[in-house]
PDB file of N, CA and C in Angstrom:
ATOM      1  N   MET A   1     -89.218 174.558 136.159  1.00  0.00           N
ATOM      2  CA  MET A   1     -88.089 173.742 135.125  1.00  0.00           C
ATOM      3  C   MET A   1     -87.119 173.213 136.575  1.00  0.00           C
ATOM      4  N   SER A   2     -87.039 172.051 135.774  1.00  0.00           N
ATOM      5  CA  SER A   2     -86.173 171.141 136.012  1.00  0.00           C
ATOM      6  C   SER A   2     -84.800 171.111 134.703  1.00  0.00           C
ATOM      7  N   GLY A   3     -83.551 170.687 134.037  1.00  0.00           N
ATOM      8  CA  GLY A   3     -82.614 171.310 134.021  1.00  0.00           C
ATOM      9  C   GLY A   3     -83.113 169.971 132.556  1.00  0.00           C
ATOM     10  N   ILE A   4     -83.421 168.762 133.006  1.00  0.00           N
ATOM     11  CA  ILE A   4     -83.537 167.818 132.187  1.00  0.00           C
ATOM     12  C   ILE A   4     -85.296 168.661 131.415  1.00  0.00           C
ATOM     13  N   ALA A   5     -85.720 169.493 131.863  1.00  0.00           N
ATOM     14  CA  ALA A   5     -87.183 169.202 130.912  1.00  0.00           C
ATOM     15  C   ALA A   5     -87.034 170.215 130.002  1.00  0.00           C
ATOM     16  N   ALA A   6     -85.927 171.261 130.701  1.00  0.00           N
ATOM     17  CA  ALA A   6     -85.555 172.430 130.082  1.00  0.00           C
ATOM     18  C   ALA A   6     -84.934 171.646 128.963  1.00  0.00           C
ATOM     19  N   ALA A   7     -84.158 171.233 128.941  1.00  0.00           N
ATOM     20  CA  ALA A   7     -83.162 170.449 127.689  1.00  0.00           C
ATOM     21  C   ALA A   7     -84.189 169.890 127.071  1.00  0.00           C
ATOM     22  N   ALA A   8     -84.962 168.759 126.935  1.00  0.00           N
ATOM     23  CA  ALA A   8     -86.278 167.893 126.689  1.00  0.00           C
ATOM     24  C   ALA A   8     -87.283 169.476 125.748  1.00  0.00           C
ATOM     25  N   SER A   9     -87.168 170.531 125.940  1.00  0.00           N
ATOM     26  CA  SER A   9     -88.057 171.419 125.744  1.00  0.00           C
ATOM     27  C   SER A   9     -87.590 172.214 125.016  1.00  0.00           C
ATOM     28  N   ALA A  10     -86.043 172.683 124.475  1.00  0.00           N
ATOM     29  CA  ALA A  10     -85.413 173.063 123.557  1.00  0.00           C
ATOM     30  C   ALA A  10     -85.301 173.094 121.905  1.00  0.00           C
ATOM     31  N   PRO A  11     -85.988 173.126 121.139  1.00  0.00           N
ATOM     32  CA  PRO A  11     -86.310 173.039 119.833  1.00  0.00           C
ATOM     33  C   PRO A  11     -84.347 172.520 119.233  1.00  0.00           C
ATOM     34  N   THR A  12     -84.004 171.325 118.571  1.00  0.00           N
ATOM     35  CA  THR A  12     -83.467 170.616 117.853  1.00  0.00           C
ATOM     36  C   THR A  12     -83.073 171.666 116.849  1.00  0.00           C
ATOM     37  N   VAL A  13     -81.391 171.924 116.359  1.00  0.00           N
ATOM     38  CA  VAL A  13     -80.811 172.179 115.516  1.00  0.00           C
ATOM     39  C   VAL A  13     -80.635 171.492 114.424  1.00  0.00           C
ATOM     40  N   ASN A  14     -80.665 171.207 112.909  1.00  0.00           N
ATOM     41  CA  ASN A  14     -80.697 170.483 112.236  1.00  0.00           C
ATOM     42  C   ASN A  14     -79.351 170.931 111.599  1.00  0.00           C
ATOM     43  N   PRO A  15     -78.385 170.130 110.890  1.00  0.00           N
ATOM     44  CA  PRO A  15     -77.506 170.487 110.600  1.00  0.00           C
ATOM     45  C   PRO A  15     -76.832 170.784 109.119  1.00  0.00           C
ATOM     46  N   PRO A  16     -77.225 172.093 109.010  1.00  0.00           N
ATOM     47  CA  PRO A  16     -77.583 171.939 106.847  1.00  0.00           C
ATOM     48  C   PRO A  16     -77.473 170.695 106.396  1.00  0.00           C
ATOM     49  N   PRO A  17     -78.255 170.617 105.375  1.00  0.00           N
ATOM     50  CA  PRO A  17     -77.977 169.595 104.346  1.00  0.00           C
ATOM     51  C   PRO A  17     -76.485 169.985 103.340  1.00  0.00           C
ATOM     52  N   PRO A  18     -76.093 168.028 102.934  1.00  0.00           N
ATOM     53  CA  PRO A  18     -74.531 168.154 102.207  1.00  0.00           C
ATOM     54  C   PRO A  18     -75.002 168.643 101.015  1.00  0.00           C
ATOM     55  N   PRO A  19     -74.003 168.972 100.463  1.00  0.00           N
ATOM     56  CA  PRO A  19     -73.891 169.157  98.803  1.00  0.00           C
ATOM     57  C   PRO A  19     -74.634 168.377  97.925  1.00  0.00           C
ATOM     58  N   ASP A  20     -75.244 168.991  97.342  1.00  0.00           N
ATOM     59  CA  ASP A  20     -75.226 168.409  96.022  1.00  0.00           C
ATOM     60  C   ASP A  20     -74.274 167.959  95.110  1.00  0.00           C
ATOM     61  N   PRO A  21     -73.996 166.643  95.094  1.00  0.00           N
ATOM     62  CA  PRO A  21     -72.261 165.692  94.233  1.00  0.00           C
ATOM     63  C   PRO A  21     -72.120 167.017  93.987  1.00  0.00           C
ATOM     64  N   LEU A  22     -70.693 166.668  93.722  1.00  0.00           N
ATOM     65  CA  LEU A  22     -70.443 167.788  92.520  1.00  0.00           C
ATOM     66  C   LEU A  22     -69.998 166.964  90.495  1.00  0.00           C
ATOM     67  N   PHE A  23     -70.517 167.644  89.347  1.00  0.00           N
ATOM     68  CA  PHE A  23     -70.430 167.182  88.298  1.00  0.00           C
ATOM     69  C   PHE A  23     -70.169 167.740  87.873  1.00  0.00           C
ATOM     70  N   LEU A  24     -69.524 167.189  86.707  1.00  0.00           N
ATOM     71  CA  LEU A  24     -68.801 167.333  85.396  1.00  0.00           C
ATOM     72  C   LEU A  24     -70.313 167.038  83.527  1.00  0.00           C
ATOM     73  N   ASN A  25     -70.031 168.270  83.363  1.00  0.00           N
ATOM     74  CA  ASN A  25     -70.585 168.086  82.293  1.00  0.00           C
ATOM     75  C   ASN A  25     -69.598 168.873  80.755  1.00  0.00           C
ATOM     76  N   PHE A  26     -69.235 167.495  80.220  1.00  0.00           N
ATOM     77  CA  PHE A  26     -67.962 167.979  78.807  1.00  0.00           C
ATOM     78  C   PHE A  26     -67.537 167.164  77.794  1.00  0.00           C
ATOM     79  N   ASN A  27     -68.388 167.919  76.363  1.00  0.00           N
ATOM     80  CA  ASN A  27     -68.192 167.027  75.147  1.00  0.00           C
ATOM     81  C   ASN A  27     -68.297 168.231  74.167  1.00  0.00           C
ATOM     82  N   TRP A  28     -67.410 167.873  72.674  1.00  0.00           N
ATOM     83  CA  TRP A  28     -67.554 168.639  71.638  1.00  0.00           C
ATOM     84  C   TRP A  28     -69.282 168.628  71.363  1.00  0.00           C
ATOM     85  N   ALA A  29     -68.695 170.095  71.088  1.00  0.00           N
ATOM     86  CA  ALA A  29     -70.584 170.456  70.792  1.00  0.00           C
ATOM     87  C   ALA A  29     -70.896 170.673  68.899  1.00  0.00           C
ATOM     88  N   GLY A  30     -69.590 170.144  68.409  1.00  0.00           N
ATOM     89  CA  GLY A  30     -69.521 170.927  66.845  1.00  0.00           C
ATOM     90  C   GLY A  30     -69.486 169.204  65.815  1.00  0.00           C
ATOM     91  N   PRO A  31     -69.382 169.399  64.906  1.00  0.00           N
ATOM     92  CA  PRO A  31     -69.546 168.120  63.466  1.00  0.00           C
ATOM     93  C   PRO A  31     -67.800 167.673  63.955  1.00  0.00           C
ATOM     94  N   THR A  32     -67.878 166.525  63.192  1.00  0.00           N
ATOM     95  CA  THR A  32     -66.906 165.851  63.721  1.00  0.00           C
ATOM     96  C   THR A  32     -66.774 165.096  62.534  1.00  0.00           C
ATOM     97  N   PRO A  33     -66.320 165.290  60.998  1.00  0.00           N
ATOM     98  CA  PRO A  33     -65.082 166.112  61.525  1.00  0.00           C
ATOM     99  C   PRO A  33     -65.740 168.059  61.686  1.00  0.00           C
ATOM    100  N   TYR A  34     -65.130 169.091  61.652  1.00  0.00           N
ATOM    101  CA  TYR A  34     -65.352 169.664  61.605  1.00  0.00           C
ATOM    102  C   TYR A  34     -64.914 170.298  60.503  1.00  0.00           C
ATOM    103  N   ASN A  35     -65.625 170.779  59.263  1.00  0.00           N
ATOM    104  CA  ASN A  35     -64.938 171.476  58.058  1.00  0.00           C
ATOM    105  C   ASN A  35     -64.165 172.427  57.782  1.00  0.00           C
ATOM    106  N   GLY A  36     -62.688 173.071  58.060  1.00  0.00           N
ATOM    107  CA  GLY A  36     -62.410 174.377  58.431  1.00  0.00           C
ATOM    108  C   GLY A  36     -62.220 175.044  57.010  1.00  0.00           C
ATOM    109  N   ALA A  37     -61.829 176.464  56.575  1.00  0.00           N
ATOM    110  CA  ALA A  37     -61.127 176.687  55.182  1.00  0.00           C
ATOM    111  C   ALA A  37     -59.706 177.279  55.880  1.00  0.00           C
ATOM    112  N   GLY A  38     -59.293 177.311  54.571  1.00  0.00           N
ATOM    113  CA  GLY A  38     -57.703 177.680  55.019  1.00  0.00           C
ATOM    114  C   GLY A  38     -56.613 176.904  55.668  1.00  0.00           C
ATOM    115  N   ALA A  39     -55.522 177.146  55.545  1.00  0.00           N
ATOM    116  CA  ALA A  39     -54.021 176.707  56.323  1.00  0.00           C
ATOM    117  C   ALA A  39     -54.476 176.757  57.743  1.00  0.00           C
ATOM    118  N   SER A  40     -54.898 178.013  57.857  1.00  0.00           N
ATOM    119  CA  SER A  40     -54.802 178.328  59.399  1.00  0.00           C
ATOM    120  C   SER A  40     -56.610 179.060  59.904  1.00  0.00           C
ATOM    121  N   GLY A  41     -57.421 179.154  60.815  1.00  0.00           N
ATOM    122  CA  GLY A  41     -58.916 179.100  61.315  1.00  0.00           C
ATOM    123  C   GLY A  41     -58.392 179.012  62.275  1.00  0.00           C
ATOM    124  N   THR A  42     -60.357 179.226  62.680  1.00  0.00           N
ATOM    125  CA  THR A  42     -60.701 179.129  64.165  1.00  0.00           C
ATOM    126  C   THR A  42     -61.937 177.991  64.387  1.00  0.00           C
ATOM    127  N   THR A  43     -62.523 177.852  65.334  1.00  0.00           N
ATOM    128  CA  THR A  43     -64.490 177.693  64.573  1.00  0.00           C
ATOM    129  C   THR A  43     -64.942 178.378  65.878  1.00  0.00           C
ATOM    130  N   SER A  44     -64.424 179.543  65.608  1.00  0.00           N
ATOM    131  CA  SER A  44     -65.032 180.616  66.384  1.00  0.00           C
ATOM    132  C   SER A  44     -66.006 181.359  65.186  1.00  0.00           C
ATOM    133  N   GLY A  45     -67.109 181.609  66.256  1.00  0.00           N
ATOM    134  CA  GLY A  45     -68.246 181.877  65.220  1.00  0.00           C
ATOM    135  C   GLY A  45     -69.347 181.187  64.442  1.00  0.00           C
ATOM    136  N   PHE A  46     -68.762 179.895  64.901  1.00  0.00           N
ATOM    137  CA  PHE A  46     -69.733 178.660  64.487  1.00  0.00           C
ATOM    138  C   PHE A  46     -70.351 177.888  65.009  1.00  0.00           C
ATOM    139  N   GLY A  47     -69.993 178.315  66.535  1.00  0.00           N
ATOM    140  CA  GLY A  47     -71.083 177.429  67.102  1.00  0.00           C
ATOM    141  C   GLY A  47     -70.282 175.966  68.095  1.00  0.00           C
ATOM    142  N   ASN A  48     -69.233 175.887  67.219  1.00  0.00           N
ATOM    143  CA  ASN A  48     -68.739 174.668  67.619  1.00  0.00           C
ATOM    144  C   ASN A  48     -67.493 174.705  68.572  1.00  0.00           C
ATOM    145  N   TYR A  49     -67.421 174.068  69.549  1.00  0.00           N
ATOM    146  CA  TYR A  49     -66.324 174.059  71.016  1.00  0.00           C
ATOM    147  C   TYR A  49     -66.675 173.002  71.977  1.00  0.00           C
ATOM    148  N   PHE A  50     -65.866 173.115  72.397  1.00  0.00           N
ATOM    149  CA  PHE A  50     -65.697 171.797  73.947  1.00  0.00           C
ATOM    150  C   PHE A  50     -66.822 172.466  74.992  1.00  0.00           C
ATOM    151  N   ALA A  51     -67.776 172.739  75.366  1.00  0.00           N
ATOM    152  CA  ALA A  51     -69.052 172.957  76.274  1.00  0.00           C
ATOM    153  C   ALA A  51     -69.005 172.275  77.657  1.00  0.00           C
ATOM    154  N   HIS A  52     -69.015 173.118  78.484  1.00  0.00           N
ATOM    155  CA  HIS A  52     -68.992 172.887  80.258  1.00  0.00           C
ATOM    156  C   HIS A  52     -69.664 172.599  80.366  1.00  0.00           C
ATOM    157  N   LEU A  53     -69.900 172.216  81.845  1.00  0.00           N
ATOM    158  CA  LEU A  53     -71.181 173.065  82.453  1.00  0.00           C
ATOM    159  C   LEU A  53     -71.160 172.281  84.293  1.00  0.00           C
ATOM    160  N   THR A  54     -70.435 172.831  85.091  1.00  0.00           N
ATOM    161  CA  THR A  54     -70.231 171.805  85.891  1.00  0.00           C
ATOM    162  C   THR A  54     -71.506 172.956  87.490  1.00  0.00           C
ATOM    163  N   GLY A  55     -71.309 171.821  88.656  1.00  0.00           N
ATOM    164  CA  GLY A  55     -72.898 172.539  89.802  1.00  0.00           C
ATOM    165  C   GLY A  55     -72.225 171.323  90.986  1.00  0.00           C
ATOM    166  N   GLY A  56     -72.769 171.486  91.448  1.00  0.00           N
ATOM    167  CA  GLY A  56     -73.098 170.678  92.812  1.00  0.00           C
ATOM    168  C   GLY A  56     -71.902 170.930  93.809  1.00  0.00           C
ATOM    169  N   GLY A  57     -70.780 170.408  94.673  1.00  0.00           N
ATOM    170  CA  GLY A  57     -69.990 170.279  95.342  1.00  0.00           C
ATOM    171  C   GLY A  57     -69.752 171.635  96.526  1.00  0.00           C
ATOM    172  N   SER A  58     -68.792 171.071  97.362  1.00  0.00           N
ATOM    173  CA  SER A  58     -68.855 172.911  97.562  1.00  0.00           C
ATOM    174  C   SER A  58     -68.137 173.906  97.174  1.00  0.00           C
ATOM    175  N   PRO A  59     -68.023 174.779  97.517  1.00  0.00           N
ATOM    176  CA  PRO A  59     -68.214 176.153  97.113  1.00  0.00           C
ATOM    177  C   PRO A  59     -66.104 176.444  97.166  1.00  0.00           C
ATOM    178  N   PRO A  60     -65.720 176.469  96.716  1.00  0.00           N
ATOM    179  CA  PRO A  60     -65.339 177.420  95.352  1.00  0.00           C
ATOM    180  C   PRO A  60     -64.227 176.430  94.352  1.00  0.00           C
ATOM    181  N   LEU A  61     -65.067 176.655  93.716  1.00  0.00           N
ATOM    182  CA  LEU A  61     -64.781 175.152  91.903  1.00  0.00           C
ATOM    183  C   LEU A  61     -63.583 175.455  91.373  1.00  0.00           C
ATOM    184  N   VAL A  62     -62.924 174.910  91.734  1.00  0.00           N
ATOM    185  CA  VAL A  62     -61.849 174.686  90.981  1.00  0.00           C
ATOM    186  C   VAL A  62     -61.749 173.908  89.146  1.00  0.00           C
ATOM    187  N   GLU A  63     -61.311 174.878  88.348  1.00  0.00           N
ATOM    188  CA  GLU A  63     -61.629 174.168  87.250  1.00  0.00           C
ATOM    189  C   GLU A  63     -60.759 174.242  86.026  1.00  0.00           C
ATOM    190  N   GLY A  64     -60.414 172.869  85.573  1.00  0.00           N
ATOM    191  CA  GLY A  64     -58.898 173.604  84.213  1.00  0.00           C
ATOM    192  C   GLY A  64     -59.036 172.210  83.225  1.00  0.00           C
ATOM    193  N   PHE A  65     -58.634 172.490  82.521  1.00  0.00           N
ATOM    194  CA  PHE A  65     -57.958 171.740  81.146  1.00  0.00           C
ATOM    195  C   PHE A  65     -56.855 171.056  80.880  1.00  0.00           C
ATOM    196  N   THR A  66     -56.645 171.095  80.097  1.00  0.00           N
ATOM    197  CA  THR A  66     -55.053 169.909  79.354  1.00  0.00           C
ATOM    198  C   THR A  66     -55.615 169.238  78.298  1.00  0.00           C
ATOM    199  N   ILE A  67     -54.807 169.406  77.475  1.00  0.00           N
ATOM    200  CA  ILE A  67     -54.855 168.584  75.407  1.00  0.00           C
ATOM    201  C   ILE A  67     -53.937 167.867  76.036  1.00  0.00           C
ATOM    202  N   THR A  68     -54.117 166.355  75.673  1.00  0.00           N
ATOM    203  CA  THR A  68     -54.075 165.445  76.076  1.00  0.00           C
ATOM    204  C   THR A  68     -53.198 164.578  74.845  1.00  0.00           C
ATOM    205  N   TYR A  69     -53.816 165.161  73.417  1.00  0.00           N
ATOM    206  CA  TYR A  69     -53.640 164.449  72.180  1.00  0.00           C
ATOM    207  C   TYR A  69     -53.854 165.943  70.784  1.00  0.00           C
ATOM    208  N   ASN A  70     -52.365 165.978  70.547  1.00  0.00           N
ATOM    209  CA  ASN A  70     -51.902 166.251  69.615  1.00  0.00           C
ATOM    210  C   ASN A  70     -51.087 166.562  68.949  1.00  0.00           C
ATOM    211  N   PRO A  71     -50.521 165.666  68.325  1.00  0.00           N
ATOM    212  CA  PRO A  71     -49.215 164.895  67.839  1.00  0.00           C
ATOM    213  C   PRO A  71     -48.402 166.407  66.718  1.00  0.00           C
ATOM    214  N   SER A  72     -49.422 166.932  66.157  1.00  0.00           N
ATOM    215  CA  SER A  72     -48.673 167.056  65.279  1.00  0.00           C
ATOM    216  C   SER A  72     -48.196 168.790  65.501  1.00  0.00           C
ATOM    217  N   GLY A  73     -48.758 169.309  66.798  1.00  0.00           N
ATOM    218  CA  GLY A  73     -49.207 171.017  67.233  1.00  0.00           C
ATOM    219  C   GLY A  73     -50.156 171.580  66.354  1.00  0.00           C
ATOM    220  N   LYS A  74     -50.895 171.762  65.372  1.00  0.00           N
ATOM    221  CA  LYS A  74     -51.471 172.285  64.456  1.00  0.00           C
ATOM    222  C   LYS A  74     -52.512 173.041  65.217  1.00  0.00           C
ATOM    223  N   LEU A  75     -53.074 172.131  65.991  1.00  0.00           N
ATOM    224  CA  LEU A  75     -54.408 172.770  66.273  1.00  0.00           C
ATOM    225  C   LEU A  75     -53.646 173.273  67.605  1.00  0.00           C
ATOM    226  N   TYR A  76     -54.884 174.005  67.848  1.00  0.00           N
ATOM    227  CA  TYR A  76     -54.740 174.882  69.941  1.00  0.00           C
ATOM    228  C   TYR A  76     -56.506 175.309  70.094  1.00  0.00           C
ATOM    229  N   LEU A  77     -56.433 175.909  71.704  1.00  0.00           N
ATOM    230  CA  LEU A  77     -57.279 176.329  71.790  1.00  0.00           C
ATOM    231  C   LEU A  77     -57.830 177.033  72.109  1.00  0.00           C
ATOM    232  N   PHE A  78     -58.685 178.166  72.015  1.00  0.00           N
ATOM    233  CA  PHE A  78     -59.118 179.981  72.694  1.00  0.00           C
ATOM    234  C   PHE A  78     -60.376 179.846  73.515  1.00  0.00           C
ATOM    235  N   ALA A  79     -60.143 181.041  74.384  1.00  0.00           N
ATOM    236  CA  ALA A  79     -60.953 180.834  74.491  1.00  0.00           C
ATOM    237  C   ALA A  79     -62.896 181.379  74.013  1.00  0.00           C
ATOM    238  N   ALA A  80     -63.535 180.749  74.039  1.00  0.00           N
ATOM    239  CA  ALA A  80     -65.316 181.297  73.157  1.00  0.00           C
ATOM    240  C   ALA A  80     -65.918 181.146  74.324  1.00  0.00           C
ATOM    241  N   GLY A  81     -66.632 181.742  74.633  1.00  0.00           N
ATOM    242  CA  GLY A  81     -66.853 183.083  75.885  1.00  0.00           C
ATOM    243  C   GLY A  81     -66.170 181.775  77.129  1.00  0.00           C
ATOM    244  N   SER A  82     -67.685 181.169  77.401  1.00  0.00           N
ATOM    245  CA  SER A  82     -67.329 179.976  79.223  1.00  0.00           C
ATOM    246  C   SER A  82     -66.421 179.224  78.160  1.00  0.00           C
ATOM    247  N   ASN A  83     -66.289 178.399  76.845  1.00  0.00           N
ATOM    248  CA  ASN A  83     -66.215 176.885  76.549  1.00  0.00           C
ATOM    249  C   ASN A  83     -64.904 177.613  75.712  1.00  0.00           C
ATOM    250  N   LEU A  84     -64.498 176.301  75.120  1.00  0.00           N
ATOM    251  CA  LEU A  84     -63.106 176.317  74.099  1.00  0.00           C
ATOM    252  C   LEU A  84     -62.959 176.444  73.295  1.00  0.00           C
ATOM    253  N   GLY A  85     -62.726 176.713  71.714  1.00  0.00           N
ATOM    254  CA  GLY A  85     -62.828 177.010  70.397  1.00  0.00           C
ATOM    255  C   GLY A  85     -61.626 176.598  69.959  1.00  0.00           C
ATOM    256  N   VAL A  86     -61.841 175.743  69.272  1.00  0.00           N
ATOM    257  CA  VAL A  86     -60.273 175.232  68.275  1.00  0.00           C
ATOM    258  C   VAL A  86     -59.564 175.636  67.499  1.00  0.00           C
ATOM    259  N   GLY A  87     -58.783 176.279  67.152  1.00  0.00           N
ATOM    260  CA  GLY A  87     -58.263 176.694  66.426  1.00  0.00           C
ATOM    261  C   GLY A  87     -56.443 176.076  65.455  1.00  0.00           C
ATOM    262  N   TRP A  88     -56.626 176.210  64.735  1.00  0.00           N
ATOM    263  CA  TRP A  88     -55.566 175.620  63.711  1.00  0.00           C
ATOM    264  C   TRP A  88     -55.019 177.177  62.834  1.00  0.00           C
ATOM    265  N   SER A  89     -53.373 175.968  62.631  1.00  0.00           N
ATOM    266  CA  SER A  89     -52.540 177.251  61.779  1.00  0.00           C
ATOM    267  C   SER A  89     -52.312 175.504  60.930  1.00  0.00           C
ATOM    268  N   GLY A  90     -51.546 176.018  59.661  1.00  0.00           N
ATOM    269  CA  GLY A  90     -50.316 175.352  58.588  1.00  0.00           C
ATOM    270  C   GLY A  90     -50.923 174.172  57.949  1.00  0.00           C
ATOM    271  N   MET A  91     -52.287 173.697  57.890  1.00  0.00           N
ATOM    272  CA  MET A  91     -53.401 172.800  57.961  1.00  0.00           C
ATOM    273  C   MET A  91     -52.947 172.688  56.601  1.00  0.00           C
ATOM    274  N   ALA A  92     -52.274 171.543  55.318  1.00  0.00           N
ATOM    275  CA  ALA A  92     -52.610 170.531  54.269  1.00  0.00           C
ATOM    276  C   ALA A  92     -54.243 171.330  53.037  1.00  0.00           C
ATOM    277  N   ILE A  93     -54.445 170.156  52.436  1.00  0.00           N
ATOM    278  CA  ILE A  93     -56.214 171.112  51.757  1.00  0.00           C
ATOM    279  C   ILE A  93     -55.912 169.038  52.190  1.00  0.00           C
ATOM    280  N   ASN A  94     -57.291 169.208  52.545  1.00  0.00           N
ATOM    281  CA  ASN A  94     -57.608 167.829  53.155  1.00  0.00           C
ATOM    282  C   ASN A  94     -57.427 167.332  53.899  1.00  0.00           C
ATOM    283  N   GLU A  95     -56.105 167.065  54.581  1.00  0.00           N
ATOM    284  CA  GLU A  95     -56.079 167.323  56.068  1.00  0.00           C
ATOM    285  C   GLU A  95     -56.556 167.486  57.284  1.00  0.00           C
ATOM    286  N   SER A  96     -56.403 166.442  58.207  1.00  0.00           N
ATOM    287  CA  SER A  96     -56.954 166.208  58.866  1.00  0.00           C
ATOM    288  C   SER A  96     -56.510 165.983  60.525  1.00  0.00           C
ATOM    289  N   GLN A  97     -56.623 167.041  61.061  1.00  0.00           N
ATOM    290  CA  GLN A  97     -56.152 166.264  62.774  1.00  0.00           C
ATOM    291  C   GLN A  97     -56.813 166.627  63.623  1.00  0.00           C
ATOM    292  N   GLY A  98     -56.354 165.571  64.894  1.00  0.00           N
ATOM    293  CA  GLY A  98     -57.070 165.335  65.841  1.00  0.00           C
ATOM    294  C   GLY A  98     -57.229 165.517  66.985  1.00  0.00           C
ATOM    295  N   ILE A  99     -57.203 166.213  68.577  1.00  0.00           N
ATOM    296  CA  ILE A  99     -57.790 167.114  69.750  1.00  0.00           C
ATOM    297  C   ILE A  99     -58.336 166.116  70.360  1.00  0.00           C
ATOM    298  N   THR A 100     -57.517 166.156  71.421  1.00  0.00           N
ATOM    299  CA  THR A 100     -58.737 165.780  72.716  1.00  0.00           C
ATOM    300  C   THR A 100     -58.389 166.459  73.927  1.00  0.00           C
ATOM    301  N   VAL A 101     -59.167 166.544  74.978  1.00  0.00           N
ATOM    302  CA  VAL A 101     -58.996 167.730  75.823  1.00  0.00           C
ATOM    303  C   VAL A 101     -59.169 167.198  76.994  1.00  0.00           C
ATOM    304  N   GLN A 102     -59.136 167.273  77.881  1.00  0.00           N
ATOM    305  CA  GLN A 102     -59.309 166.251  79.144  1.00  0.00           C
ATOM    306  C   GLN A 102     -59.585 167.943  80.713  1.00  0.00           C
ATOM    307  N   TYR A 103     -60.729 167.790  80.673  1.00  0.00           N
ATOM    308  CA  TYR A 103     -61.346 168.757  81.646  1.00  0.00           C
ATOM    309  C   TYR A 103     -61.890 168.255  83.407  1.00  0.00           C
ATOM    310  N   THR A 104     -61.324 169.243  84.329  1.00  0.00           N
ATOM    311  CA  THR A 104     -61.162 168.267  85.736  1.00  0.00           C
ATOM    312  C   THR A 104     -61.885 169.847  86.279  1.00  0.00           C
ATOM    313  N   VAL A 105     -62.431 169.419  87.332  1.00  0.00           N
ATOM    314  CA  VAL A 105     -62.848 170.447  88.130  1.00  0.00           C
ATOM    315  C   VAL A 105     -63.027 169.227  89.492  1.00  0.00           C
ATOM    316  N   THR A 106     -62.487 170.802  90.255  1.00  0.00           N
ATOM    317  CA  THR A 106     -62.507 170.044  91.863  1.00  0.00           C
ATOM    318  C   THR A 106     -62.778 171.175  92.831  1.00  0.00           C
ATOM    319  N   ASP A 107     -63.555 170.394  93.869  1.00  0.00           N
ATOM    320  CA  ASP A 107     -64.015 171.331  94.684  1.00  0.00           C
ATOM    321  C   ASP A 107     -63.283 171.299  96.059  1.00  0.00           C
ATOM    322  N   ASN A 108     -63.518 172.555  96.960  1.00  0.00           N
ATOM    323  CA  ASN A 108     -63.468 173.140  98.338  1.00  0.00           C
ATOM    324  C   ASN A 108     -62.788 171.489  99.046  1.00  0.00           C
ATOM    325  N   VAL A 109     -63.671 170.451  99.045  1.00  0.00           N
ATOM    326  CA  VAL A 109     -62.527 169.982 100.138  1.00  0.00           C
ATOM    327  C   VAL A 109     -62.060 168.507  99.706  1.00  0.00           C
ATOM    328  N   GLY A 110     -61.953 168.601  97.643  1.00  0.00           N
ATOM    329  CA  GLY A 110     -60.792 167.843  97.498  1.00  0.00           C
ATOM    330  C   GLY A 110     -61.794 166.240  96.634  1.00  0.00           C
ATOM    331  N   ASP A 111     -62.753 166.877  96.642  1.00  0.00           N
ATOM    332  CA  ASP A 111     -63.519 165.889  95.372  1.00  0.00           C
ATOM    333  C   ASP A 111     -63.771 166.557  94.051  1.00  0.00           C
ATOM    334  N   SER A 112     -63.567 166.373  92.863  1.00  0.00           N
ATOM    335  CA  SER A 112     -62.876 166.072  91.966  1.00  0.00           C
ATOM    336  C   SER A 112     -63.907 164.787  90.648  1.00  0.00           C
ATOM    337  N   VAL A 113     -63.625 165.702  90.053  1.00  0.00           N
ATOM    338  CA  VAL A 113     -64.708 165.404  88.475  1.00  0.00           C
ATOM    339  C   VAL A 113     -63.249 165.575  87.448  1.00  0.00           C
ATOM    340  N   THR A 114     -63.179 164.445  86.380  1.00  0.00           N
ATOM    341  CA  THR A 114     -62.391 164.173  84.515  1.00  0.00           C
ATOM    342  C   THR A 114     -63.252 164.376  84.112  1.00  0.00           C
ATOM    343  N   LYS A 115     -63.440 164.578  83.011  1.00  0.00           N
ATOM    344  CA  LYS A 115     -63.756 163.688  81.146  1.00  0.00           C
ATOM    345  C   LYS A 115     -63.704 164.630  80.280  1.00  0.00           C
ATOM    346  N   SER A 116     -62.925 163.526  79.651  1.00  0.00           N
ATOM    347  CA  SER A 116     -61.961 164.562  78.345  1.00  0.00           C
ATOM    348  C   SER A 116     -63.099 164.103  76.395  1.00  0.00           C
ATOM    349  N   ASP A 117     -62.903 164.249  75.309  1.00  0.00           N
ATOM    350  CA  ASP A 117     -63.948 164.305  74.671  1.00  0.00           C
ATOM    351  C   ASP A 117     -62.614 164.699  73.867  1.00  0.00           C
ATOM    352  N   SER A 118     -63.067 164.753  72.179  1.00  0.00           N
ATOM    353  CA  SER A 118     -62.445 164.848  71.125  1.00  0.00           C
ATOM    354  C   SER A 118     -62.662 165.160  70.579  1.00  0.00           C
ATOM    355  N   ALA A 119     -61.430 166.429  69.008  1.00  0.00           N
ATOM    356  CA  ALA A 119     -62.352 166.463  67.946  1.00  0.00           C
ATOM    357  C   ALA A 119     -61.711 166.211  66.774  1.00  0.00           C
ATOM    358  N   VAL A 120     -61.994 166.625  65.312  1.00  0.00           N
ATOM    359  CA  VAL A 120     -61.635 166.595  64.141  1.00  0.00           C
ATOM    360  C   VAL A 120     -61.675 167.372  63.742  1.00  0.00           C
ATOM    361  N   ILE A 121     -60.429 168.488  63.052  1.00  0.00           N
ATOM    362  CA  ILE A 121     -60.696 169.746  62.098  1.00  0.00           C
ATOM    363  C   ILE A 121     -59.944 168.642  60.586  1.00  0.00           C
ATOM    364  N   LYS A 122     -60.571 169.029  59.811  1.00  0.00           N
ATOM    365  CA  LYS A 122     -60.295 168.513  58.615  1.00  0.00           C
ATOM    366  C   LYS A 122     -60.755 170.079  57.557  1.00  0.00           C
ATOM    367  N   ARG A 123     -59.523 170.121  56.918  1.00  0.00           N
ATOM    368  CA  ARG A 123     -59.442 171.378  55.733  1.00  0.00           C
ATOM    369  C   ARG A 123     -59.730 170.825  54.736  1.00  0.00           C
ATOM    370  N   VAL A 124     -61.024 171.519  54.265  1.00  0.00           N
ATOM    371  CA  VAL A 124     -61.714 171.471  52.853  1.00  0.00           C
ATOM    372  C   VAL A 124     -61.444 171.979  51.594  1.00  0.00           C
ATOM    373  N   SER A 125     -60.511 173.472  51.922  1.00  0.00           N
ATOM    374  CA  SER A 125     -60.658 174.138  51.448  1.00  0.00           C
ATOM    375  C   SER A 125     -58.756 174.808  51.688  1.00  0.00           C
TER     376      SER A 125
END
C-alpha cells in the first residue's frame, strides 16, 4: 500500500464540539414589595431571594455580584443556600427601601454575561 493510500484510509478524528453558550438566569424570586416585620430582619426562611442559574461556557465559571443600588444602606445581602437573601436594619414602620443587584458570570475563555434585578422591602409592622 502506498503512503497516499494509507493516508486516505486512515480514520479521521473530529474535533470536540464547542461548549454550549454561556448563560445566566438571575431574578428576584419574591414579591415586590416584600412585606417585612420589625426594624431589622431577613427574607430567610420565606423562599424570597435573588435566584441564579448558570451553565454552558468553558469551565471553570467565575461568578460574582455587586450591589448597584442601595442608597440608604439599610439593606444587605446574605447567602441563602446557593442564592442571595436580603436583610434590613433600622427601618421605620411603613418605610420602603430598594436594592438592585448585578450578577456576572465569566468563563475560562473570557466570555461574560451580566444581569440585574431589584427588590423592594417594606416594613409593615
